[in-house]
PDB file of N, CA and C in Angstrom:
ATOM      1  N   UNK A   1     -22.132  53.385 -84.960  1.00  0.00           N
ATOM      2  CA  UNK A   1     -23.570  53.333 -85.105  1.00  0.00           C
ATOM      3  C   UNK A   1     -24.202  52.572 -83.947  1.00  0.00           C
ATOM      4  N   UNK A   2     -23.545  51.543 -83.459  1.00  0.00           N
ATOM      5  CA  UNK A   2     -24.113  50.778 -82.345  1.00  0.00           C
ATOM      6  C   UNK A   2     -24.283  51.644 -81.098  1.00  0.00           C
ATOM      7  N   UNK A   3     -23.349  52.543 -80.862  1.00  0.00           N
ATOM      8  CA  UNK A   3     -23.466  53.440 -79.714  1.00  0.00           C
ATOM      9  C   UNK A   3     -24.673  54.354 -79.886  1.00  0.00           C
ATOM     10  N   UNK A   4     -24.908  54.784 -81.108  1.00  0.00           N
ATOM     11  CA  UNK A   4     -26.063  55.647 -81.387  1.00  0.00           C
ATOM     12  C   UNK A   4     -27.365  54.873 -81.166  1.00  0.00           C
ATOM     13  N   UNK A   5     -27.407  53.625 -81.594  1.00  0.00           N
ATOM     14  CA  UNK A   5     -28.592  52.787 -81.358  1.00  0.00           C
ATOM     15  C   UNK A   5     -28.831  52.612 -79.864  1.00  0.00           C
ATOM     16  N   UNK A   6     -27.761  52.381 -79.134  1.00  0.00           N
ATOM     17  CA  UNK A   6     -27.875  52.196 -77.690  1.00  0.00           C
ATOM     18  C   UNK A   6     -28.443  53.449 -77.034  1.00  0.00           C
ATOM     19  N   UNK A   7     -27.967  54.618 -77.460  1.00  0.00           N
ATOM     20  CA  UNK A   7     -28.477  55.879 -76.920  1.00  0.00           C
ATOM     21  C   UNK A   7     -29.963  56.054 -77.210  1.00  0.00           C
ATOM     22  N   UNK A   8     -30.375  55.709 -78.422  1.00  0.00           N
ATOM     23  CA  UNK A   8     -31.788  55.835 -78.795  1.00  0.00           C
ATOM     24  C   UNK A   8     -32.628  54.858 -77.990  1.00  0.00           C
ATOM     25  N   UNK A   9     -32.142  53.628 -77.825  1.00  0.00           N
ATOM     26  CA  UNK A   9     -32.880  52.642 -77.026  1.00  0.00           C
ATOM     27  C   UNK A   9     -33.021  53.096 -75.575  1.00  0.00           C
ATOM     28  N   UNK A  10     -31.985  53.730 -75.046  1.00  0.00           N
ATOM     29  CA  UNK A  10     -32.051  54.265 -73.687  1.00  0.00           C
ATOM     30  C   UNK A  10     -33.106  55.364 -73.615  1.00  0.00           C
ATOM     31  N   UNK A  11     -33.131  56.220 -74.614  1.00  0.00           N
ATOM     32  CA  UNK A  11     -34.130  57.292 -74.642  1.00  0.00           C
ATOM     33  C   UNK A  11     -35.546  56.727 -74.786  1.00  0.00           C
ATOM     34  N   UNK A  12     -35.707  55.698 -75.601  1.00  0.00           N
ATOM     35  CA  UNK A  12     -37.014  55.047 -75.749  1.00  0.00           C
ATOM     36  C   UNK A  12     -37.470  54.492 -74.403  1.00  0.00           C
ATOM     37  N   UNK A  13     -36.567  53.859 -73.691  1.00  0.00           N
ATOM     38  CA  UNK A  13     -36.900  53.314 -72.374  1.00  0.00           C
ATOM     39  C   UNK A  13     -37.320  54.419 -71.415  1.00  0.00           C
ATOM     40  N   UNK A  14     -36.599  55.531 -71.452  1.00  0.00           N
ATOM     41  CA  UNK A  14     -36.926  56.661 -70.580  1.00  0.00           C
ATOM     42  C   UNK A  14     -38.291  57.243 -70.933  1.00  0.00           C
ATOM     43  N   UNK A  15     -38.554  57.418 -72.211  1.00  0.00           N
ATOM     44  CA  UNK A  15     -39.846  57.954 -72.644  1.00  0.00           C
ATOM     45  C   UNK A  15     -40.988  57.015 -72.266  1.00  0.00           C
ATOM     46  N   UNK A  16     -40.766  55.718 -72.451  1.00  0.00           N
ATOM     47  CA  UNK A  16     -41.783  54.735 -72.093  1.00  0.00           C
ATOM     48  C   UNK A  16     -42.066  54.786 -70.600  1.00  0.00           C
ATOM     49  N   UNK A  17     -41.027  54.897 -69.816  1.00  0.00           N
ATOM     50  CA  UNK A  17     -41.177  54.981 -68.356  1.00  0.00           C
ATOM     51  C   UNK A  17     -41.909  56.265 -67.963  1.00  0.00           C
ATOM     52  N   UNK A  18     -41.604  57.357 -68.637  1.00  0.00           N
ATOM     53  CA  UNK A  18     -42.299  58.619 -68.381  1.00  0.00           C
ATOM     54  C   UNK A  18     -43.791  58.475 -68.652  1.00  0.00           C
ATOM     55  N   UNK A  19     -44.128  57.827 -69.749  1.00  0.00           N
ATOM     56  CA  UNK A  19     -45.542  57.606 -70.067  1.00  0.00           C
ATOM     57  C   UNK A  19     -46.186  56.750 -68.989  1.00  0.00           C
ATOM     58  N   UNK A  20     -45.528  55.675 -68.606  1.00  0.00           N
ATOM     59  CA  UNK A  20     -46.092  54.777 -67.595  1.00  0.00           C
ATOM     60  C   UNK A  20     -46.275  55.479 -66.252  1.00  0.00           C
ATOM     61  N   UNK A  21     -45.322  56.317 -65.868  1.00  0.00           N
ATOM     62  CA  UNK A  21     -45.361  56.967 -64.559  1.00  0.00           C
ATOM     63  C   UNK A  21     -46.213  58.235 -64.543  1.00  0.00           C
ATOM     64  N   UNK A  22     -46.070  59.072 -65.576  1.00  0.00           N
ATOM     65  CA  UNK A  22     -46.689  60.394 -65.552  1.00  0.00           C
ATOM     66  C   UNK A  22     -47.971  60.502 -66.369  1.00  0.00           C
ATOM     67  N   UNK A  23     -48.123  59.661 -67.368  1.00  0.00           N
ATOM     68  CA  UNK A  23     -49.279  59.724 -68.258  1.00  0.00           C
ATOM     69  C   UNK A  23     -49.868  58.332 -68.481  1.00  0.00           C
ATOM     70  N   UNK A  24     -50.318  57.672 -67.416  1.00  0.00           N
ATOM     71  CA  UNK A  24     -50.782  56.285 -67.564  1.00  0.00           C
ATOM     72  C   UNK A  24     -51.937  56.137 -68.557  1.00  0.00           C
ATOM     73  N   UNK A  25     -52.680  57.204 -68.770  1.00  0.00           N
ATOM     74  CA  UNK A  25     -53.788  57.132 -69.722  1.00  0.00           C
ATOM     75  C   UNK A  25     -53.298  56.980 -71.164  1.00  0.00           C
ATOM     76  N   UNK A  26     -52.023  57.222 -71.398  1.00  0.00           N
ATOM     77  CA  UNK A  26     -51.453  57.067 -72.739  1.00  0.00           C
ATOM     78  C   UNK A  26     -50.891  55.671 -72.987  1.00  0.00           C
ATOM     79  N   UNK A  27     -50.871  54.843 -71.978  1.00  0.00           N
ATOM     80  CA  UNK A  27     -50.293  53.497 -72.125  1.00  0.00           C
ATOM     81  C   UNK A  27     -50.972  52.692 -73.215  1.00  0.00           C
ATOM     82  N   UNK A  28     -52.248  52.936 -73.420  1.00  0.00           N
ATOM     83  CA  UNK A  28     -52.962  52.175 -74.452  1.00  0.00           C
ATOM     84  C   UNK A  28     -52.369  52.414 -75.835  1.00  0.00           C
ATOM     85  N   UNK A  29     -51.702  53.553 -76.014  1.00  0.00           N
ATOM     86  CA  UNK A  29     -51.099  53.856 -77.312  1.00  0.00           C
ATOM     87  C   UNK A  29     -49.723  53.218 -77.492  1.00  0.00           C
ATOM     88  N   UNK A  30     -49.132  52.740 -76.420  1.00  0.00           N
ATOM     89  CA  UNK A  30     -47.812  52.122 -76.534  1.00  0.00           C
ATOM     90  C   UNK A  30     -47.864  50.874 -77.405  1.00  0.00           C
ATOM     91  N   UNK A  31     -48.887  50.039 -77.217  1.00  0.00           N
ATOM     92  CA  UNK A  31     -48.995  48.832 -78.037  1.00  0.00           C
ATOM     93  C   UNK A  31     -49.185  49.181 -79.499  1.00  0.00           C
ATOM     94  N   UNK A  32     -49.976  50.221 -79.761  1.00  0.00           N
ATOM     95  CA  UNK A  32     -50.182  50.638 -81.146  1.00  0.00           C
ATOM     96  C   UNK A  32     -48.882  51.159 -81.740  1.00  0.00           C
ATOM     97  N   UNK A  33     -48.125  51.909 -80.959  1.00  0.00           N
ATOM     98  CA  UNK A  33     -46.858  52.453 -81.445  1.00  0.00           C
ATOM     99  C   UNK A  33     -45.860  51.335 -81.706  1.00  0.00           C
ATOM    100  N   UNK A  34     -45.843  50.348 -80.847  1.00  0.00           N
ATOM    101  CA  UNK A  34     -44.913  49.230 -81.046  1.00  0.00           C
ATOM    102  C   UNK A  34     -45.234  48.469 -82.313  1.00  0.00           C
ATOM    103  N   UNK A  35     -46.460  48.599 -82.777  1.00  0.00           N
ATOM    104  CA  UNK A  35     -46.851  47.932 -84.013  1.00  0.00           C
ATOM    105  C   UNK A  35     -46.077  48.433 -85.214  1.00  0.00           C
ATOM    106  N   UNK A  36     -45.447  49.575 -85.077  1.00  0.00           N
ATOM    107  CA  UNK A  36     -44.658  50.107 -86.186  1.00  0.00           C
ATOM    108  C   UNK A  36     -43.276  49.480 -86.246  1.00  0.00           C
ATOM    109  N   UNK A  37     -42.890  48.788 -85.184  1.00  0.00           N
ATOM    110  CA  UNK A  37     -41.593  48.133 -85.173  1.00  0.00           C
ATOM    111  C   UNK A  37     -41.679  46.791 -85.882  1.00  0.00           C
ATOM    112  N   UNK A  38     -40.600  46.351 -86.478  1.00  0.00           N
ATOM    113  CA  UNK A  38     -40.624  45.086 -87.205  1.00  0.00           C
ATOM    114  C   UNK A  38     -40.923  43.902 -86.295  1.00  0.00           C
ATOM    115  N   UNK A  39     -41.634  42.948 -86.826  1.00  0.00           N
ATOM    116  CA  UNK A  39     -41.943  41.717 -86.095  1.00  0.00           C
ATOM    117  C   UNK A  39     -41.211  40.574 -86.778  1.00  0.00           C
ATOM    118  N   UNK A  40     -41.149  39.474 -86.104  1.00  0.00           N
ATOM    119  CA  UNK A  40     -40.507  38.328 -86.740  1.00  0.00           C
ATOM    120  C   UNK A  40     -39.747  37.497 -85.744  1.00  0.00           C
ATOM    121  N   UNK A  41     -38.494  37.210 -86.075  1.00  0.00           N
ATOM    122  CA  UNK A  41     -37.705  36.327 -85.233  1.00  0.00           C
ATOM    123  C   UNK A  41     -37.442  36.949 -83.866  1.00  0.00           C
ATOM    124  N   UNK A  42     -36.866  36.163 -83.004  1.00  0.00           N
ATOM    125  CA  UNK A  42     -36.652  36.583 -81.612  1.00  0.00           C
ATOM    126  C   UNK A  42     -35.666  37.746 -81.493  1.00  0.00           C
ATOM    127  N   UNK A  43     -34.776  37.913 -82.429  1.00  0.00           N
ATOM    128  CA  UNK A  43     -33.798  38.998 -82.398  1.00  0.00           C
ATOM    129  C   UNK A  43     -33.904  39.837 -83.666  1.00  0.00           C
ATOM    130  N   UNK A  44     -34.997  40.571 -83.786  1.00  0.00           N
ATOM    131  CA  UNK A  44     -35.139  41.343 -85.013  1.00  0.00           C
ATOM    132  C   UNK A  44     -34.057  42.413 -85.100  1.00  0.00           C
ATOM    133  N   UNK A  45     -33.644  42.674 -86.288  1.00  0.00           N
ATOM    134  CA  UNK A  45     -32.631  43.694 -86.505  1.00  0.00           C
ATOM    135  C   UNK A  45     -33.339  45.010 -86.773  1.00  0.00           C
ATOM    136  N   UNK A  46     -33.210  45.923 -85.838  1.00  0.00           N
ATOM    137  CA  UNK A  46     -33.837  47.218 -85.985  1.00  0.00           C
ATOM    138  C   UNK A  46     -32.822  48.206 -86.523  1.00  0.00           C
ATOM    139  N   UNK A  47     -33.224  48.890 -87.558  1.00  0.00           N
ATOM    140  CA  UNK A  47     -32.341  49.899 -88.111  1.00  0.00           C
ATOM    141  C   UNK A  47     -32.428  51.184 -87.312  1.00  0.00           C
ATOM    142  N   UNK A  48     -31.462  52.002 -87.526  1.00  0.00           N
ATOM    143  CA  UNK A  48     -31.407  53.288 -86.837  1.00  0.00           C
ATOM    144  C   UNK A  48     -32.653  54.117 -87.151  1.00  0.00           C
ATOM    145  N   UNK A  49     -33.077  54.086 -88.391  1.00  0.00           N
ATOM    146  CA  UNK A  49     -34.248  54.871 -88.802  1.00  0.00           C
ATOM    147  C   UNK A  49     -35.519  54.413 -88.078  1.00  0.00           C
ATOM    148  N   UNK A  50     -35.717  53.111 -87.932  1.00  0.00           N
ATOM    149  CA  UNK A  50     -36.902  52.598 -87.229  1.00  0.00           C
ATOM    150  C   UNK A  50     -36.889  53.008 -85.760  1.00  0.00           C
ATOM    151  N   UNK A  51     -35.721  52.934 -85.153  1.00  0.00           N
ATOM    152  CA  UNK A  51     -35.606  53.333 -83.749  1.00  0.00           C
ATOM    153  C   UNK A  51     -35.875  54.827 -83.578  1.00  0.00           C
ATOM    154  N   UNK A  52     -35.329  55.631 -84.479  1.00  0.00           N
ATOM    155  CA  UNK A  52     -35.565  57.071 -84.415  1.00  0.00           C
ATOM    156  C   UNK A  52     -37.051  57.387 -84.611  1.00  0.00           C
ATOM    157  N   UNK A  53     -37.691  56.693 -85.539  1.00  0.00           N
ATOM    158  CA  UNK A  53     -39.128  56.899 -85.776  1.00  0.00           C
ATOM    159  C   UNK A  53     -39.939  56.562 -84.537  1.00  0.00           C
ATOM    160  N   UNK A  54     -39.613  55.461 -83.897  1.00  0.00           N
ATOM    161  CA  UNK A  54     -40.351  55.058 -82.697  1.00  0.00           C
ATOM    162  C   UNK A  54     -40.128  56.057 -81.565  1.00  0.00           C
ATOM    163  N   UNK A  55     -38.875  56.490 -81.398  1.00  0.00           N
ATOM    164  CA  UNK A  55     -38.567  57.500 -80.381  1.00  0.00           C
ATOM    165  C   UNK A  55     -39.364  58.772 -80.640  1.00  0.00           C
ATOM    166  N   UNK A  56     -39.404  59.207 -81.896  1.00  0.00           N
ATOM    167  CA  UNK A  56     -40.147  60.418 -82.244  1.00  0.00           C
ATOM    168  C   UNK A  56     -41.639  60.245 -82.034  1.00  0.00           C
ATOM    169  N   UNK A  57     -42.150  59.043 -82.277  1.00  0.00           N
ATOM    170  CA  UNK A  57     -43.566  58.767 -82.025  1.00  0.00           C
ATOM    171  C   UNK A  57     -43.879  58.937 -80.543  1.00  0.00           C
ATOM    172  N   UNK A  58     -43.013  58.418 -79.693  1.00  0.00           N
ATOM    173  CA  UNK A  58     -43.223  58.553 -78.247  1.00  0.00           C
ATOM    174  C   UNK A  58     -43.144  60.018 -77.810  1.00  0.00           C
ATOM    175  N   UNK A  59     -42.168  60.740 -78.341  1.00  0.00           N
ATOM    176  CA  UNK A  59     -42.041  62.163 -78.013  1.00  0.00           C
ATOM    177  C   UNK A  59     -43.283  62.934 -78.438  1.00  0.00           C
ATOM    178  N   UNK A  60     -43.758  62.669 -79.648  1.00  0.00           N
ATOM    179  CA  UNK A  60     -44.948  63.355 -80.150  1.00  0.00           C
ATOM    180  C   UNK A  60     -46.182  63.012 -79.333  1.00  0.00           C
ATOM    181  N   UNK A  61     -46.268  61.783 -78.891  1.00  0.00           N
ATOM    182  CA  UNK A  61     -47.395  61.355 -78.054  1.00  0.00           C
ATOM    183  C   UNK A  61     -47.433  62.159 -76.756  1.00  0.00           C
ATOM    184  N   UNK A  62     -46.295  62.307 -76.124  1.00  0.00           N
ATOM    185  CA  UNK A  62     -46.210  63.060 -74.863  1.00  0.00           C
ATOM    186  C   UNK A  62     -46.483  64.544 -75.115  1.00  0.00           C
ATOM    187  N   UNK A  63     -45.828  65.114 -76.104  1.00  0.00           N
ATOM    188  CA  UNK A  63     -45.999  66.545 -76.392  1.00  0.00           C
ATOM    189  C   UNK A  63     -47.444  66.861 -76.802  1.00  0.00           C
ATOM    190  N   UNK A  64     -48.036  65.999 -77.603  1.00  0.00           N
ATOM    191  CA  UNK A  64     -49.420  66.210 -78.017  1.00  0.00           C
ATOM    192  C   UNK A  64     -50.384  66.146 -76.840  1.00  0.00           C
ATOM    193  N   UNK A  65     -50.094  65.283 -75.899  1.00  0.00           N
ATOM    194  CA  UNK A  65     -50.962  65.143 -74.726  1.00  0.00           C
ATOM    195  C   UNK A  65     -50.814  66.341 -73.805  1.00  0.00           C
ATOM    196  N   UNK A  66     -49.609  66.879 -73.683  1.00  0.00           N
ATOM    197  CA  UNK A  66     -49.379  68.032 -72.814  1.00  0.00           C
ATOM    198  C   UNK A  66     -50.199  69.237 -73.254  1.00  0.00           C
ATOM    199  N   UNK A  67     -50.393  69.376 -74.566  1.00  0.00           N
ATOM    200  CA  UNK A  67     -51.143  70.512 -75.108  1.00  0.00           C
ATOM    201  C   UNK A  67     -52.580  70.312 -74.826  1.00  0.00           C
TER     202      UNK A  67
END
């Protein structure tokens, strides 16, 4: 499962970078999207489902903007 989390985190980083580089007008939504992630201590434990949801949010943001 840790390898799967790592892969999702890598994809999240890539999607975030794509937004920053190719769609800078969407950056304002990144903070709102991050609001869906758990807050709290310095090392929050993110479940696979939360990471997948955030990744899908970023994908939908890009795809929705392309249309």
